[in-house]
Amino acid sequence: MTRIILIGAPVDSGQRRAGCLMGPAAYRVAGLAREIASEAHEVTDAGDLAPGPLPGVSCANPAVDRLPETVAWTQTISAAVEEALTAGGFPIVMGGDHSLALGSAAGAARHALRAGRPLFLLWLDAHSDFHTPLTTTSGNLHGTPLAYINGRDGFDAFPPFPAPVPAERICMFGIRSVDPGEQAAMQERDIAINDMRVIDERGIVAPLREFLDRVRAGNGLLHVSLDVDFLDPSIAPAVGTTVPGGATFREAHLVMELLHESGLVSSLDLVELNPFLDDRGMTARLMVDLVGSLMGKKVFDRPTRAK
């Protein structure tokens, strides 16, 4: 039995489309705690975080939006995730936009550093999120966390990332929207991108198992960051950054089942759910269902829904 700690992070400072701050409430209404408990895990809901006082930070890039709020959230979320992991829990951070990963991954990295183990990162997302505050043209900081995690320059306003995660410990999975500047930066660092073409050619299983084998061989801790737009918008419309051609229902569940079977995941983000854009809660329910698969639910455990 795993002790799951739900952490609400109603972050909306990383992008400009209102609604992500309702994400934690939507996960609760959709039955996330109940779904996890049904797989015989202990569940504690730690409630919603709130950022501390806004720091007096600035950026040379005038496009950057709501930097002080995002830095404050990063500090708060980092401390909460580190505390949950130190207490022997499995934190699930319910977002909130993807800028929350600036904090969640930092907390996981600090815990891994103190435990003397390497941190690995599985990035399930349509986007690479490899801009920095200095290179972003949109100014939306939800497009920067992976660069922060990997140790790119340009994050002077943020706390230094503890033990940046090198390219060989990052798996970008399901990518299908990358800016030219991001692509050039990733190529310089030799970060492998398992985009949808790779998945179409090789399937879901082979590249994911290769990465999980590396995590296991390195005795690593694995932080998984699951963005709603990893999924195809036909099944998950509640996201402000839809990109066609995402993972299907079955592909997404297979990923979660493989992660469960590996026994390697130590922390999880659920990001970019915007309930205002949902269709009768279908995206929230699907994300909850995917967490069920990560927690051990099998296909034959799922009841047939009434038509």
C-alpha atoms as a PDB file:
ATOM      1  CA  MET A   1       0.000   0.000   0.000  1.00  0.00           C
ATOM      2  CA  THR A   2       1.287   3.441  -0.961  1.00  0.00           C
ATOM      3  CA  ARG A   3       0.540   6.580   0.999  1.00  0.00           C
ATOM      4  CA  ILE A   4      -0.720   9.068  -1.572  1.00  0.00           C
ATOM      5  CA  ILE A   5      -0.703  12.765  -0.671  1.00  0.00           C
ATOM      6  CA  LEU A   6      -2.916  14.973  -2.829  1.00  0.00           C
ATOM      7  CA  ILE A   7      -1.620  18.538  -3.092  1.00  0.00           C
ATOM      8  CA  GLY A   8      -3.831  21.144  -4.713  1.00  0.00           C
ATOM      9  CA  ALA A   9      -1.913  23.769  -6.680  1.00  0.00           C
ATOM     10  CA  PRO A  10      -4.431  26.207  -8.229  1.00  0.00           C
ATOM     11  CA  VAL A  11      -1.771  27.925 -10.304  1.00  0.00           C
ATOM     12  CA  ASP A  12      -2.805  30.127 -13.204  1.00  0.00           C
ATOM     13  CA  SER A  13       0.123  32.563 -13.372  1.00  0.00           C
ATOM     14  CA  GLY A  14       1.975  30.577 -16.053  1.00  0.00           C
ATOM     15  CA  GLN A  15      -0.488  31.350 -18.851  1.00  0.00           C
ATOM     16  CA  ARG A  16      -3.192  33.838 -19.694  1.00  0.00           C
ATOM     17  CA  ARG A  17      -6.316  31.735 -20.226  1.00  0.00           C
ATOM     18  CA  ALA A  18      -8.355  31.720 -17.037  1.00  0.00           C
ATOM     19  CA  GLY A  19      -9.638  28.456 -15.617  1.00  0.00           C
ATOM     20  CA  CYS A  20      -6.706  26.266 -14.534  1.00  0.00           C
ATOM     21  CA  LEU A  21      -7.071  27.439 -10.949  1.00  0.00           C
ATOM     22  CA  MET A  22     -10.282  25.372 -10.840  1.00  0.00           C
ATOM     23  CA  GLY A  23      -8.352  22.185 -11.644  1.00  0.00           C
ATOM     24  CA  PRO A  24      -7.843  20.873  -8.081  1.00  0.00           C
ATOM     25  CA  ALA A  25     -11.554  21.227  -7.312  1.00  0.00           C
ATOM     26  CA  ALA A  26     -12.445  19.423 -10.544  1.00  0.00           C
ATOM     27  CA  TYR A  27     -10.208  16.474  -9.644  1.00  0.00           C
ATOM     28  CA  ARG A  28     -11.872  16.222  -6.259  1.00  0.00           C
ATOM     29  CA  VAL A  29     -15.359  16.360  -7.764  1.00  0.00           C
ATOM     30  CA  ALA A  30     -14.357  13.720 -10.327  1.00  0.00           C
ATOM     31  CA  GLY A  31     -13.428  11.368  -7.490  1.00  0.00           C
ATOM     32  CA  LEU A  32      -9.632  11.258  -7.568  1.00  0.00           C
ATOM     33  CA  ALA A  33      -9.258  10.295  -3.900  1.00  0.00           C
ATOM     34  CA  ARG A  34     -11.941   7.647  -4.215  1.00  0.00           C
ATOM     35  CA  GLU A  35     -10.307   6.195  -7.341  1.00  0.00           C
ATOM     36  CA  ILE A  36      -6.952   5.882  -5.613  1.00  0.00           C
ATOM     37  CA  ALA A  37      -8.434   4.427  -2.434  1.00  0.00           C
ATOM     38  CA  SER A  38     -10.267   1.788  -4.477  1.00  0.00           C
ATOM     39  CA  GLU A  39      -6.844   0.320  -5.319  1.00  0.00           C
ATOM     40  CA  ALA A  40      -6.115  -0.154  -1.599  1.00  0.00           C
ATOM     41  CA  HIS A  41      -3.876   2.875  -1.198  1.00  0.00           C
ATOM     42  CA  GLU A  42      -3.991   5.307   1.699  1.00  0.00           C
ATOM     43  CA  VAL A  43      -5.019   8.775   0.544  1.00  0.00           C
ATOM     44  CA  THR A  44      -4.516  12.081   2.326  1.00  0.00           C
ATOM     45  CA  ASP A  45      -5.801  15.304   0.803  1.00  0.00           C
ATOM     46  CA  ALA A  46      -3.494  18.082   2.017  1.00  0.00           C
ATOM     47  CA  GLY A  47      -5.796  20.765   0.613  1.00  0.00           C
ATOM     48  CA  ASP A  48      -4.825  23.622  -1.664  1.00  0.00           C
ATOM     49  CA  LEU A  49      -1.559  25.492  -1.387  1.00  0.00           C
ATOM     50  CA  ALA A  50      -1.337  29.274  -1.519  1.00  0.00           C
ATOM     51  CA  PRO A  51       1.764  31.201  -2.586  1.00  0.00           C
ATOM     52  CA  GLY A  52       3.714  33.194  -0.053  1.00  0.00           C
ATOM     53  CA  PRO A  53       4.568  36.890  -0.319  1.00  0.00           C
ATOM     54  CA  LEU A  54       5.510  37.961  -3.841  1.00  0.00           C
ATOM     55  CA  PRO A  55       9.263  38.385  -4.237  1.00  0.00           C
ATOM     56  CA  GLY A  56      10.689  41.537  -5.768  1.00  0.00           C
ATOM     57  CA  VAL A  57      11.955  39.931  -8.966  1.00  0.00           C
ATOM     58  CA  SER A  58      12.096  41.106 -12.567  1.00  0.00           C
ATOM     59  CA  CYS A  59      13.221  39.916 -15.979  1.00  0.00           C
ATOM     60  CA  ALA A  60      15.023  41.618 -18.844  1.00  0.00           C
ATOM     61  CA  ASN A  61      12.450  40.170 -21.235  1.00  0.00           C
ATOM     62  CA  PRO A  62       9.453  42.537 -21.174  1.00  0.00           C
ATOM     63  CA  ALA A  63       7.154  39.824 -22.543  1.00  0.00           C
ATOM     64  CA  VAL A  64       7.344  37.744 -19.355  1.00  0.00           C
ATOM     65  CA  ASP A  65       4.008  37.694 -17.558  1.00  0.00           C
ATOM     66  CA  ARG A  66       3.402  37.376 -13.793  1.00  0.00           C
ATOM     67  CA  LEU A  67       6.945  36.450 -12.849  1.00  0.00           C
ATOM     68  CA  PRO A  68       6.677  37.249  -9.100  1.00  0.00           C
ATOM     69  CA  GLU A  69       3.548  35.074  -8.741  1.00  0.00           C
ATOM     70  CA  THR A  70       5.201  32.160 -10.540  1.00  0.00           C
ATOM     71  CA  VAL A  71       8.364  32.391  -8.440  1.00  0.00           C
ATOM     72  CA  ALA A  72       6.255  32.456  -5.260  1.00  0.00           C
ATOM     73  CA  TRP A  73       4.315  29.395  -6.410  1.00  0.00           C
ATOM     74  CA  THR A  74       7.580  27.620  -7.279  1.00  0.00           C
ATOM     75  CA  GLN A  75       8.908  28.099  -3.755  1.00  0.00           C
ATOM     76  CA  THR A  76       5.656  26.962  -2.127  1.00  0.00           C
ATOM     77  CA  ILE A  77       5.126  23.873  -4.290  1.00  0.00           C
ATOM     78  CA  SER A  78       8.770  22.823  -4.025  1.00  0.00           C
ATOM     79  CA  ALA A  79       8.603  22.832  -0.234  1.00  0.00           C
ATOM     80  CA  ALA A  80       5.301  20.899  -0.185  1.00  0.00           C
ATOM     81  CA  VAL A  81       6.535  18.167  -2.544  1.00  0.00           C
ATOM     82  CA  GLU A  82       9.824  17.771  -0.706  1.00  0.00           C
ATOM     83  CA  GLU A  83       7.976  17.518   2.613  1.00  0.00           C
ATOM     84  CA  ALA A  84       5.598  14.853   1.238  1.00  0.00           C
ATOM     85  CA  LEU A  85       8.451  12.759  -0.161  1.00  0.00           C
ATOM     86  CA  THR A  86      10.516  13.102   3.010  1.00  0.00           C
ATOM     87  CA  ALA A  87       7.527  11.826   4.991  1.00  0.00           C
ATOM     88  CA  GLY A  88       7.480   8.696   2.841  1.00  0.00           C
ATOM     89  CA  GLY A  89       4.501   9.766   0.753  1.00  0.00           C
ATOM     90  CA  PHE A  90       3.764   9.773  -2.962  1.00  0.00           C
ATOM     91  CA  PRO A  91       2.747  13.352  -3.808  1.00  0.00           C
ATOM     92  CA  ILE A  92       0.234  13.996  -6.586  1.00  0.00           C
ATOM     93  CA  VAL A  93       0.170  17.694  -7.432  1.00  0.00           C
ATOM     94  CA  MET A  94      -3.233  18.649  -8.815  1.00  0.00           C
ATOM     95  CA  GLY A  95      -2.908  21.689 -11.054  1.00  0.00           C
ATOM     96  CA  GLY A  96      -3.015  24.295 -12.160  1.00  0.00           C
ATOM     97  CA  ASP A  97      -0.960  25.160 -15.261  1.00  0.00           C
ATOM     98  CA  HIS A  98       2.338  23.522 -16.125  1.00  0.00           C
ATOM     99  CA  SER A  99       4.434  26.217 -14.466  1.00  0.00           C
ATOM    100  CA  LEU A 100       3.717  24.290 -11.249  1.00  0.00           C
ATOM    101  CA  ALA A 101       6.337  21.771 -12.419  1.00  0.00           C
ATOM    102  CA  LEU A 102       8.983  24.415 -11.745  1.00  0.00           C
ATOM    103  CA  GLY A 103       8.226  23.738  -8.084  1.00  0.00           C
ATOM    104  CA  SER A 104       7.189  20.092  -8.040  1.00  0.00           C
ATOM    105  CA  ALA A 105      10.301  18.909  -9.885  1.00  0.00           C
ATOM    106  CA  ALA A 106      12.516  21.105  -7.710  1.00  0.00           C
ATOM    107  CA  GLY A 107      11.046  19.545  -4.576  1.00  0.00           C
ATOM    108  CA  ALA A 108      11.526  16.057  -5.990  1.00  0.00           C
ATOM    109  CA  ALA A 109      15.102  16.903  -7.003  1.00  0.00           C
ATOM    110  CA  ARG A 110      15.970  18.206  -3.549  1.00  0.00           C
ATOM    111  CA  HIS A 111      14.575  15.044  -1.960  1.00  0.00           C
ATOM    112  CA  ALA A 112      16.476  12.840  -4.429  1.00  0.00           C
ATOM    113  CA  LEU A 113      19.699  14.736  -3.721  1.00  0.00           C
ATOM    114  CA  ARG A 114      19.323  14.214   0.024  1.00  0.00           C
ATOM    115  CA  ALA A 115      18.510  10.544  -0.538  1.00  0.00           C
ATOM    116  CA  GLY A 116      21.628  10.114  -2.667  1.00  0.00           C
ATOM    117  CA  ARG A 117      19.635   8.943  -5.682  1.00  0.00           C
ATOM    118  CA  PRO A 118      19.321  10.399  -9.192  1.00  0.00           C
ATOM    119  CA  LEU A 119      16.062  12.006 -10.287  1.00  0.00           C
ATOM    120  CA  PHE A 120      14.586  10.973 -13.629  1.00  0.00           C
ATOM    121  CA  LEU A 121      11.794  12.835 -15.409  1.00  0.00           C
ATOM    122  CA  LEU A 122       9.013  11.570 -17.690  1.00  0.00           C
ATOM    123  CA  TRP A 123       7.418  14.508 -19.541  1.00  0.00           C
ATOM    124  CA  LEU A 124       4.032  13.519 -20.999  1.00  0.00           C
ATOM    125  CA  ASP A 125       3.106  16.598 -23.011  1.00  0.00           C
ATOM    126  CA  ALA A 126       2.369  17.928 -26.489  1.00  0.00           C
ATOM    127  CA  HIS A 127       4.912  20.694 -25.878  1.00  0.00           C
ATOM    128  CA  SER A 128       8.590  20.624 -24.989  1.00  0.00           C
ATOM    129  CA  ASP A 129       8.347  23.562 -22.514  1.00  0.00           C
ATOM    130  CA  PHE A 130      12.052  24.278 -23.063  1.00  0.00           C
ATOM    131  CA  HIS A 131      11.995  28.069 -23.257  1.00  0.00           C
ATOM    132  CA  THR A 132      13.560  30.241 -20.582  1.00  0.00           C
ATOM    133  CA  PRO A 133      12.254  33.561 -19.256  1.00  0.00           C
ATOM    134  CA  LEU A 134      14.775  35.215 -21.584  1.00  0.00           C
ATOM    135  CA  THR A 135      13.816  33.307 -24.754  1.00  0.00           C
ATOM    136  CA  THR A 136      10.026  33.087 -24.477  1.00  0.00           C
ATOM    137  CA  THR A 137       8.157  35.285 -26.933  1.00  0.00           C
ATOM    138  CA  SER A 138       4.700  34.562 -25.499  1.00  0.00           C
ATOM    139  CA  GLY A 139       5.852  35.431 -21.982  1.00  0.00           C
ATOM    140  CA  ASN A 140       3.895  32.456 -20.621  1.00  0.00           C
ATOM    141  CA  LEU A 141       6.035  30.730 -18.016  1.00  0.00           C
ATOM    142  CA  HIS A 142       4.214  27.392 -18.328  1.00  0.00           C
ATOM    143  CA  GLY A 143       6.473  26.960 -21.363  1.00  0.00           C
ATOM    144  CA  THR A 144       9.674  27.024 -19.285  1.00  0.00           C
ATOM    145  CA  PRO A 145       9.771  24.266 -16.624  1.00  0.00           C
ATOM    146  CA  LEU A 146      11.747  21.653 -18.540  1.00  0.00           C
ATOM    147  CA  ALA A 147      14.483  24.186 -19.271  1.00  0.00           C
ATOM    148  CA  TYR A 148      14.647  25.029 -15.563  1.00  0.00           C
ATOM    149  CA  ILE A 149      14.801  21.346 -14.635  1.00  0.00           C
ATOM    150  CA  ASN A 150      17.591  20.720 -17.164  1.00  0.00           C
ATOM    151  CA  GLY A 151      19.634  23.666 -15.886  1.00  0.00           C
ATOM    152  CA  ARG A 152      19.390  26.195 -18.731  1.00  0.00           C
ATOM    153  CA  ASP A 153      20.501  29.744 -18.020  1.00  0.00           C
ATOM    154  CA  GLY A 154      17.959  32.536 -17.682  1.00  0.00           C
ATOM    155  CA  PHE A 155      16.259  31.611 -14.403  1.00  0.00           C
ATOM    156  CA  ASP A 156      18.034  34.120 -12.168  1.00  0.00           C
ATOM    157  CA  ALA A 157      14.713  35.161 -10.600  1.00  0.00           C
ATOM    158  CA  PHE A 158      14.054  31.594  -9.417  1.00  0.00           C
ATOM    159  CA  PRO A 159      15.743  29.587  -6.671  1.00  0.00           C
ATOM    160  CA  PRO A 160      18.658  27.626  -8.170  1.00  0.00           C
ATOM    161  CA  PHE A 161      17.399  24.236  -9.294  1.00  0.00           C
ATOM    162  CA  PRO A 162      18.868  21.544  -7.024  1.00  0.00           C
ATOM    163  CA  ALA A 163      20.941  19.089  -9.079  1.00  0.00           C
ATOM    164  CA  PRO A 164      19.689  19.842 -12.636  1.00  0.00           C
ATOM    165  CA  VAL A 165      18.495  16.732 -14.453  1.00  0.00           C
ATOM    166  CA  PRO A 166      20.771  15.841 -17.406  1.00  0.00           C
ATOM    167  CA  ALA A 167      19.484  14.875 -20.840  1.00  0.00           C
ATOM    168  CA  GLU A 168      19.967  11.150 -20.369  1.00  0.00           C
ATOM    169  CA  ARG A 169      17.588  11.174 -17.398  1.00  0.00           C
ATOM    170  CA  ILE A 170      14.773  12.987 -19.250  1.00  0.00           C
ATOM    171  CA  CYS A 171      12.163  11.263 -21.418  1.00  0.00           C
ATOM    172  CA  MET A 172       9.957  13.570 -23.477  1.00  0.00           C
ATOM    173  CA  PHE A 173       6.988  11.529 -24.607  1.00  0.00           C
ATOM    174  CA  GLY A 174       4.165  12.438 -26.985  1.00  0.00           C
ATOM    175  CA  ILE A 175       5.722  15.746 -28.117  1.00  0.00           C
ATOM    176  CA  ARG A 176       4.207  17.325 -31.232  1.00  0.00           C
ATOM    177  CA  SER A 177       4.658  21.088 -30.843  1.00  0.00           C
ATOM    178  CA  VAL A 178       8.189  22.498 -30.535  1.00  0.00           C
ATOM    179  CA  ASP A 179       9.364  26.018 -31.363  1.00  0.00           C
ATOM    180  CA  PRO A 180      12.546  26.257 -33.504  1.00  0.00           C
ATOM    181  CA  GLY A 181      14.445  27.925 -30.654  1.00  0.00           C
ATOM    182  CA  GLU A 182      13.485  25.162 -28.256  1.00  0.00           C
ATOM    183  CA  GLN A 183      14.476  22.485 -30.770  1.00  0.00           C
ATOM    184  CA  ALA A 184      17.913  24.034 -31.281  1.00  0.00           C
ATOM    185  CA  ALA A 185      18.490  24.251 -27.524  1.00  0.00           C
ATOM    186  CA  MET A 186      17.458  20.633 -27.007  1.00  0.00           C
ATOM    187  CA  GLN A 187      19.711  19.454 -29.829  1.00  0.00           C
ATOM    188  CA  GLU A 188      22.654  21.261 -28.205  1.00  0.00           C
ATOM    189  CA  ARG A 189      21.993  19.269 -25.041  1.00  0.00           C
ATOM    190  CA  ASP A 190      21.255  16.002 -26.865  1.00  0.00           C
ATOM    191  CA  ILE A 191      17.808  15.619 -25.311  1.00  0.00           C
ATOM    192  CA  ALA A 192      15.930  12.801 -27.019  1.00  0.00           C
ATOM    193  CA  ILE A 193      12.403  13.669 -28.119  1.00  0.00           C
ATOM    194  CA  ASN A 194       9.965  10.775 -28.349  1.00  0.00           C
ATOM    195  CA  ASP A 195       7.511  12.658 -30.503  1.00  0.00           C
ATOM    196  CA  MET A 196       4.341  11.201 -31.957  1.00  0.00           C
ATOM    197  CA  ARG A 197       6.205  10.033 -35.066  1.00  0.00           C
ATOM    198  CA  VAL A 198       8.523   7.946 -32.895  1.00  0.00           C
ATOM    199  CA  ILE A 199       5.473   6.511 -31.154  1.00  0.00           C
ATOM    200  CA  ASP A 200       3.749   5.847 -34.486  1.00  0.00           C
ATOM    201  CA  GLU A 201       6.827   4.025 -35.786  1.00  0.00           C
ATOM    202  CA  ARG A 202       7.930   2.174 -32.654  1.00  0.00           C
ATOM    203  CA  GLY A 203       4.761   2.016 -30.611  1.00  0.00           C
ATOM    204  CA  ILE A 204       4.234   3.110 -27.022  1.00  0.00           C
ATOM    205  CA  VAL A 205       5.936   0.206 -25.275  1.00  0.00           C
ATOM    206  CA  ALA A 206       9.496   0.040 -26.643  1.00  0.00           C
ATOM    207  CA  PRO A 207      10.698   3.615 -26.011  1.00  0.00           C
ATOM    208  CA  LEU A 208       8.981   3.829 -22.629  1.00  0.00           C
ATOM    209  CA  ARG A 209      10.409   0.520 -21.420  1.00  0.00           C
ATOM    210  CA  GLU A 210      13.889   1.569 -22.548  1.00  0.00           C
ATOM    211  CA  PHE A 211      13.610   4.685 -20.398  1.00  0.00           C
ATOM    212  CA  LEU A 212      12.202   2.778 -17.424  1.00  0.00           C
ATOM    213  CA  ASP A 213      15.100   0.318 -17.708  1.00  0.00           C
ATOM    214  CA  ARG A 214      17.492   3.276 -17.350  1.00  0.00           C
ATOM    215  CA  VAL A 215      15.636   4.499 -14.271  1.00  0.00           C
ATOM    216  CA  ARG A 216      15.803   1.041 -12.722  1.00  0.00           C
ATOM    217  CA  ALA A 217      19.479   0.549 -13.575  1.00  0.00           C
ATOM    218  CA  GLY A 218      20.304   3.916 -12.011  1.00  0.00           C
ATOM    219  CA  ASN A 219      18.263   3.248  -8.840  1.00  0.00           C
ATOM    220  CA  GLY A 220      16.490   6.476  -9.643  1.00  0.00           C
ATOM    221  CA  LEU A 221      13.429   8.274  -8.409  1.00  0.00           C
ATOM    222  CA  LEU A 222      10.931   9.045 -11.184  1.00  0.00           C
ATOM    223  CA  HIS A 223       8.870  12.222 -11.372  1.00  0.00           C
ATOM    224  CA  VAL A 224       6.074  12.083 -13.952  1.00  0.00           C
ATOM    225  CA  SER A 225       4.512  15.275 -15.293  1.00  0.00           C
ATOM    226  CA  LEU A 226       1.229  14.585 -17.114  1.00  0.00           C
ATOM    227  CA  ASP A 227      -0.208  17.440 -19.165  1.00  0.00           C
ATOM    228  CA  VAL A 228      -3.804  17.157 -20.380  1.00  0.00           C
ATOM    229  CA  ASP A 229      -2.612  18.026 -23.892  1.00  0.00           C
ATOM    230  CA  PHE A 230      -0.592  14.802 -24.006  1.00  0.00           C
ATOM    231  CA  LEU A 231      -4.010  13.366 -24.836  1.00  0.00           C
ATOM    232  CA  ASP A 232      -5.807  13.905 -28.118  1.00  0.00           C
ATOM    233  CA  PRO A 233      -8.255  16.825 -27.795  1.00  0.00           C
ATOM    234  CA  SER A 234     -11.080  14.634 -29.086  1.00  0.00           C
ATOM    235  CA  ILE A 235     -11.035  12.798 -25.740  1.00  0.00           C
ATOM    236  CA  ALA A 236      -9.616  15.588 -23.547  1.00  0.00           C
ATOM    237  CA  PRO A 237     -10.891  19.010 -24.653  1.00  0.00           C
ATOM    238  CA  ALA A 238     -10.383  20.816 -21.334  1.00  0.00           C
ATOM    239  CA  VAL A 239      -7.024  22.419 -22.083  1.00  0.00           C
ATOM    240  CA  GLY A 240      -6.129  25.826 -23.455  1.00  0.00           C
ATOM    241  CA  THR A 241      -3.317  24.515 -25.684  1.00  0.00           C
ATOM    242  CA  THR A 242      -4.915  21.761 -27.753  1.00  0.00           C
ATOM    243  CA  VAL A 243      -2.724  20.076 -30.376  1.00  0.00           C
ATOM    244  CA  PRO A 244      -4.266  17.445 -32.712  1.00  0.00           C
ATOM    245  CA  GLY A 245      -2.761  13.984 -32.923  1.00  0.00           C
ATOM    246  CA  GLY A 246      -2.284  13.222 -29.242  1.00  0.00           C
ATOM    247  CA  ALA A 247      -2.370   9.962 -27.356  1.00  0.00           C
ATOM    248  CA  THR A 248      -5.504   7.880 -27.647  1.00  0.00           C
ATOM    249  CA  PHE A 249      -7.503   6.564 -24.704  1.00  0.00           C
ATOM    250  CA  ARG A 250      -5.863   3.161 -24.985  1.00  0.00           C
ATOM    251  CA  GLU A 251      -2.332   4.509 -25.508  1.00  0.00           C
ATOM    252  CA  ALA A 252      -2.609   6.730 -22.450  1.00  0.00           C
ATOM    253  CA  HIS A 253      -3.859   3.885 -20.270  1.00  0.00           C
ATOM    254  CA  LEU A 254      -1.068   1.645 -21.549  1.00  0.00           C
ATOM    255  CA  VAL A 255       1.501   4.240 -20.486  1.00  0.00           C
ATOM    256  CA  MET A 256      -0.025   4.364 -17.011  1.00  0.00           C
ATOM    257  CA  GLU A 257      -0.199   0.583 -16.738  1.00  0.00           C
ATOM    258  CA  LEU A 258       3.460   0.253 -17.717  1.00  0.00           C
ATOM    259  CA  LEU A 259       4.394   2.874 -15.132  1.00  0.00           C
ATOM    260  CA  HIS A 260       2.457   0.983 -12.464  1.00  0.00           C
ATOM    261  CA  GLU A 261       4.103  -2.308 -13.368  1.00  0.00           C
ATOM    262  CA  SER A 262       7.538  -0.703 -13.181  1.00  0.00           C
ATOM    263  CA  GLY A 263       7.024   0.373  -9.561  1.00  0.00           C
ATOM    264  CA  LEU A 264       9.370   3.306 -10.194  1.00  0.00           C
ATOM    265  CA  VAL A 265       7.153   6.396 -10.032  1.00  0.00           C
ATOM    266  CA  SER A 266       7.664   8.459  -6.889  1.00  0.00           C
ATOM    267  CA  SER A 267       5.753  11.683  -7.659  1.00  0.00           C
ATOM    268  CA  LEU A 268       3.210  12.947 -10.196  1.00  0.00           C
ATOM    269  CA  ASP A 269       1.921  16.202 -11.678  1.00  0.00           C
ATOM    270  CA  LEU A 270      -1.552  16.566 -13.194  1.00  0.00           C
ATOM    271  CA  VAL A 271      -1.463  19.832 -15.118  1.00  0.00           C
ATOM    272  CA  GLU A 272      -3.313  22.174 -17.481  1.00  0.00           C
ATOM    273  CA  LEU A 273      -6.841  20.941 -16.736  1.00  0.00           C
ATOM    274  CA  ASN A 274      -9.185  23.865 -17.415  1.00  0.00           C
ATOM    275  CA  PRO A 275     -12.672  22.793 -16.283  1.00  0.00           C
ATOM    276  CA  PHE A 276     -14.193  25.863 -17.953  1.00  0.00           C
ATOM    277  CA  LEU A 277     -13.337  24.270 -21.320  1.00  0.00           C
ATOM    278  CA  ASP A 278     -14.509  20.753 -20.454  1.00  0.00           C
ATOM    279  CA  ASP A 279     -17.492  18.864 -21.815  1.00  0.00           C
ATOM    280  CA  ARG A 280     -19.535  17.682 -18.812  1.00  0.00           C
ATOM    281  CA  GLY A 281     -16.375  16.768 -16.914  1.00  0.00           C
ATOM    282  CA  MET A 282     -15.123  14.226 -19.472  1.00  0.00           C
ATOM    283  CA  THR A 283     -11.482  15.367 -19.289  1.00  0.00           C
ATOM    284  CA  ALA A 284     -11.375  15.418 -15.493  1.00  0.00           C
ATOM    285  CA  ARG A 285     -12.899  11.934 -15.379  1.00  0.00           C
ATOM    286  CA  LEU A 286     -10.389  10.634 -17.941  1.00  0.00           C
ATOM    287  CA  MET A 287      -7.440  12.062 -15.990  1.00  0.00           C
ATOM    288  CA  VAL A 288      -8.783  10.448 -12.819  1.00  0.00           C
ATOM    289  CA  ASP A 289      -9.181   7.177 -14.713  1.00  0.00           C
ATOM    290  CA  LEU A 290      -5.552   7.402 -15.855  1.00  0.00           C
ATOM    291  CA  VAL A 291      -4.392   7.877 -12.273  1.00  0.00           C
ATOM    292  CA  GLY A 292      -6.400   4.754 -11.472  1.00  0.00           C
ATOM    293  CA  SER A 293      -4.309   2.847 -14.011  1.00  0.00           C
ATOM    294  CA  LEU A 294      -1.117   4.240 -12.500  1.00  0.00           C
ATOM    295  CA  MET A 295      -2.325   3.037  -9.100  1.00  0.00           C
ATOM    296  CA  GLY A 296      -2.957  -0.496 -10.355  1.00  0.00           C
ATOM    297  CA  LYS A 297      -6.392  -0.672 -11.942  1.00  0.00           C
ATOM    298  CA  LYS A 298      -6.527  -3.106 -14.864  1.00  0.00           C
ATOM    299  CA  VAL A 299      -8.701  -3.113 -17.954  1.00  0.00           C
ATOM    300  CA  PHE A 300     -10.763  -6.036 -16.658  1.00  0.00           C
ATOM    301  CA  ASP A 301     -11.476  -4.057 -13.478  1.00  0.00           C
ATOM    302  CA  ARG A 302     -13.360  -1.373 -15.403  1.00  0.00           C
ATOM    303  CA  PRO A 303     -17.150  -1.653 -15.519  1.00  0.00           C
ATOM    304  CA  THR A 304     -18.916  -1.084 -18.797  1.00  0.00           C
ATOM    305  CA  ARG A 305     -20.557   2.312 -18.768  1.00  0.00           C
ATOM    306  CA  ALA A 306     -24.182   2.634 -19.745  1.00  0.00           C
ATOM    307  CA  LYS A 307     -24.729   3.996 -23.253  1.00  0.00           C
END
